[in-house]
Amino acid sequence: MAKADIVERVVDYIVKSIVEEPEEVSVTIVEQGPDDVVAEVRTAKSDMGRVIGRRGRVAKAIRAAAGAAGEEVGISVGVEFID
């Protein structure tokens, strides 16, 4: 799905900017429907806490940015952080 490429790039850029081991970051787009995708984010174990943040604030901000990117191309976006 070409529309989801922007979401993948946005999430990848943000997460790599936060972590200490950017080479360990992996963002996979999973299609849930015609206009519905989930970005699965994987990082090094030591970086997962940074990505989620205190009380999930950083994760919430990443979800908001991904949602805004998806909105630009007309798709609904979810973000999951995978251990």
C-alpha atoms as a PDB file:
ATOM      1  CA  MET A   1       0.000   0.000   0.000  1.00  0.00           C
ATOM      2  CA  ALA A   2       1.717   3.143  -1.232  1.00  0.00           C
ATOM      3  CA  LYS A   3      -0.332   5.418   1.030  1.00  0.00           C
ATOM      4  CA  ALA A   4       1.190   3.795   4.119  1.00  0.00           C
ATOM      5  CA  ASP A   5       4.757   4.641   3.028  1.00  0.00           C
ATOM      6  CA  ILE A   6       4.518   8.141   4.515  1.00  0.00           C
ATOM      7  CA  VAL A   7       3.376   6.703   7.832  1.00  0.00           C
ATOM      8  CA  GLU A   8       6.273   4.237   7.864  1.00  0.00           C
ATOM      9  CA  ARG A   9       8.793   7.001   7.114  1.00  0.00           C
ATOM     10  CA  VAL A  10       7.384   9.360   9.771  1.00  0.00           C
ATOM     11  CA  VAL A  11       7.342   6.712  12.518  1.00  0.00           C
ATOM     12  CA  ASP A  12      10.808   5.433  11.523  1.00  0.00           C
ATOM     13  CA  TYR A  13      12.291   8.942  11.608  1.00  0.00           C
ATOM     14  CA  ILE A  14      10.799   9.833  14.988  1.00  0.00           C
ATOM     15  CA  VAL A  15      11.747   6.560  16.682  1.00  0.00           C
ATOM     16  CA  LYS A  16      15.307   6.595  15.293  1.00  0.00           C
ATOM     17  CA  SER A  17      15.685  10.155  16.606  1.00  0.00           C
ATOM     18  CA  ILE A  18      14.826   9.030  20.146  1.00  0.00           C
ATOM     19  CA  VAL A  19      16.743   5.772  20.599  1.00  0.00           C
ATOM     20  CA  GLU A  20      20.414   5.149  21.322  1.00  0.00           C
ATOM     21  CA  GLU A  21      20.630   2.253  18.843  1.00  0.00           C
ATOM     22  CA  PRO A  22      18.871   3.483  15.664  1.00  0.00           C
ATOM     23  CA  GLU A  23      20.182   0.556  13.613  1.00  0.00           C
ATOM     24  CA  GLU A  24      18.011  -1.759  15.751  1.00  0.00           C
ATOM     25  CA  VAL A  25      14.772   0.075  14.865  1.00  0.00           C
ATOM     26  CA  SER A  26      12.295  -1.741  12.647  1.00  0.00           C
ATOM     27  CA  VAL A  27       8.934  -0.352  11.504  1.00  0.00           C
ATOM     28  CA  THR A  28       6.593  -2.770   9.749  1.00  0.00           C
ATOM     29  CA  ILE A  29       3.284  -1.717   8.217  1.00  0.00           C
ATOM     30  CA  VAL A  30       0.468  -4.274   8.561  1.00  0.00           C
ATOM     31  CA  GLU A  31      -2.696  -3.673   6.553  1.00  0.00           C
ATOM     32  CA  GLN A  32      -5.872  -4.178   8.590  1.00  0.00           C
ATOM     33  CA  GLY A  33      -8.242  -3.126   5.823  1.00  0.00           C
ATOM     34  CA  PRO A  34      -8.386  -0.974   2.692  1.00  0.00           C
ATOM     35  CA  ASP A  35      -7.839   2.279   4.602  1.00  0.00           C
ATOM     36  CA  ASP A  36      -6.597   0.978   7.951  1.00  0.00           C
ATOM     37  CA  VAL A  37      -2.986   0.142   8.847  1.00  0.00           C
ATOM     38  CA  VAL A  38      -0.942  -0.621  11.956  1.00  0.00           C
ATOM     39  CA  ALA A  39       2.714   0.348  12.268  1.00  0.00           C
ATOM     40  CA  GLU A  40       4.566  -2.232  14.359  1.00  0.00           C
ATOM     41  CA  VAL A  41       7.643  -0.726  15.998  1.00  0.00           C
ATOM     42  CA  ARG A  42      10.509  -2.853  17.255  1.00  0.00           C
ATOM     43  CA  THR A  43      13.606  -1.487  19.004  1.00  0.00           C
ATOM     44  CA  ALA A  44      16.505  -2.797  21.051  1.00  0.00           C
ATOM     45  CA  LYS A  45      15.268  -3.914  24.493  1.00  0.00           C
ATOM     46  CA  SER A  46      17.249  -1.121  26.156  1.00  0.00           C
ATOM     47  CA  ASP A  47      15.527   1.536  24.000  1.00  0.00           C
ATOM     48  CA  MET A  48      11.896   0.471  24.436  1.00  0.00           C
ATOM     49  CA  GLY A  49      11.520   2.521  27.628  1.00  0.00           C
ATOM     50  CA  ARG A  50      12.707   5.648  25.814  1.00  0.00           C
ATOM     51  CA  VAL A  51      10.186   5.108  23.021  1.00  0.00           C
ATOM     52  CA  ILE A  52       7.276   4.588  25.404  1.00  0.00           C
ATOM     53  CA  GLY A  53       8.286   7.349  27.821  1.00  0.00           C
ATOM     54  CA  ARG A  54       6.940   8.201  31.246  1.00  0.00           C
ATOM     55  CA  ARG A  55       3.303   7.219  31.507  1.00  0.00           C
ATOM     56  CA  GLY A  56       3.334   6.557  27.755  1.00  0.00           C
ATOM     57  CA  ARG A  57       3.693  10.197  26.790  1.00  0.00           C
ATOM     58  CA  VAL A  58       6.265   9.640  24.044  1.00  0.00           C
ATOM     59  CA  ALA A  59       4.286   6.701  22.636  1.00  0.00           C
ATOM     60  CA  LYS A  60       1.164   8.859  22.607  1.00  0.00           C
ATOM     61  CA  ALA A  61       3.011  11.599  20.707  1.00  0.00           C
ATOM     62  CA  ILE A  62       4.327   9.071  18.160  1.00  0.00           C
ATOM     63  CA  ARG A  63       0.773   7.754  17.678  1.00  0.00           C
ATOM     64  CA  ALA A  64      -0.493  11.324  17.177  1.00  0.00           C
ATOM     65  CA  ALA A  65       2.164  12.077  14.546  1.00  0.00           C
ATOM     66  CA  ALA A  66       1.486   8.788  12.737  1.00  0.00           C
ATOM     67  CA  GLY A  67      -2.241   9.495  12.827  1.00  0.00           C
ATOM     68  CA  ALA A  68      -1.705  12.951  11.346  1.00  0.00           C
ATOM     69  CA  ALA A  69       0.477  11.503   8.576  1.00  0.00           C
ATOM     70  CA  GLY A  70      -2.193   8.900   7.827  1.00  0.00           C
ATOM     71  CA  GLU A  71      -4.906  11.533   7.826  1.00  0.00           C
ATOM     72  CA  GLU A  72      -3.020  13.430   5.106  1.00  0.00           C
ATOM     73  CA  VAL A  73      -3.383  10.442   2.752  1.00  0.00           C
ATOM     74  CA  GLY A  74      -6.797   9.322   3.971  1.00  0.00           C
ATOM     75  CA  ILE A  75      -5.981   6.264   6.055  1.00  0.00           C
ATOM     76  CA  SER A  76      -6.515   5.318   9.695  1.00  0.00           C
ATOM     77  CA  VAL A  77      -3.305   4.465  11.552  1.00  0.00           C
ATOM     78  CA  GLY A  78      -2.516   2.572  14.730  1.00  0.00           C
ATOM     79  CA  VAL A  79       0.931   2.148  16.280  1.00  0.00           C
ATOM     80  CA  GLU A  80       1.987  -0.885  18.312  1.00  0.00           C
ATOM     81  CA  PHE A  81       5.246  -1.211  20.200  1.00  0.00           C
ATOM     82  CA  ILE A  82       6.483  -4.813  20.052  1.00  0.00           C
ATOM     83  CA  ASP A  83       8.967  -6.190  22.612  1.00  0.00           C
END
